[in-house]
Amino acid sequence: MGVFLAPMAGVTDLPFRLIAREYGADLVVTEMVSAQALLYENRKTMDMLAIEQAERPVAVQLFGRDPQVMAEAARLVYEKAKPEMIDLNFGCPTPKIVKNGDGAALLKNPKLLAEIAAAVARAVPIPVTAKIRLGWGGESINCVEVAQRVEEAGVHWLTVHARTREQFYSGTADWGWLAKVKQAVGIPVVGNGDVFSPEDAERLLKETNCDHIAVARGVRGNPWLFQQIKSWLEKGTKLPDPTVEERVALALRHLRLKVEYAGESRAVREMRPHLMWYLKGVPGSAQLRQRINTAGSLAEMERILNSLVD
């Protein structure tokens, strides 16, 4: 049983993946990468393929709707980055993705979705995995059919986020469908959705019989959750929550890693939500929100964070 870092746009970049692995994630997945942009050799997109040895095993997640383009992009990813796996995004709910027919929009066309999976599986010598949702909406839940199709297409395992596209991230994840998918296929199934504590992870596994767990929003600013889940499942031991000092120390380290990776200006801007996640519930952090959101330099960010523990 593995505890994985699920892909999240704007979150699972190289610095965060390194931290997630260090804190116990068994597998990390990149932010979703546009297959089309890769073939155009878009510089920003190519930069997303940067992988360091310390974060392996890693999966690169691709999105797109053309089987041939996806297969070519997968070959390029394999040649350039040599990840352990390629993951296919059939679940992203954001309007700018689905309006182009990508991400969760493919759940409305299971035949094309399976063609993409088969084309990519034929194109590369490494395992190909896929991530889906339950379906487009409550009246069109088709995750069991989609799961069976991707299994036939040669997908190595399947991650299921137990919400529909219409739900986005609202309401509660319906784990009952995870159990149905698990019963319907022979490949491993990774359960995803509403895992915010070790107890959540334990319940998901017991209720669904899933093989692995992928954690997303629960680890934003809280990579300690990986260790907590594994300790609870493997030893029945409840690890304590991090102290304020530990939160601030890791936030600072993450910030500095990001500066190394992306440069100071971009890092300071993109780390703002991460810092608020690290500081969630820390006394005095709400008052710092405005300062964090307007800070323009690494030194200023460091001063703000250190003020919480001085």
Foldseek 3Di string as FASTA:
>chain_A
DFEAADADPLAQAALNLLVLVVLAHPEYEFHEAELVCVVVVPPVRVLSLDYDPSNPQYEYEYKDQALVSLLVSLLVSCVPRVHQEYEYAQAQLDPVQVVRVMHVSCLVPLVSVLSSLLSNQVRDPHAYEYEHEQHADPVGRDLQVSLVSSVVSRHQEYEYAQHHSVCNQDDFRDLLVLQVNPVRDDHAYEYETPDQALVSVVVSCVNRVGPHYHYYPNCLLNSNRNVQNCCCVPPVDGDDGDDLVVLLVVLLVSLVVQCVSPNWQVSLQSCLVSNCSSCVPQPPVVVCSVVSNPDGGSVSVNVSSVVSPD
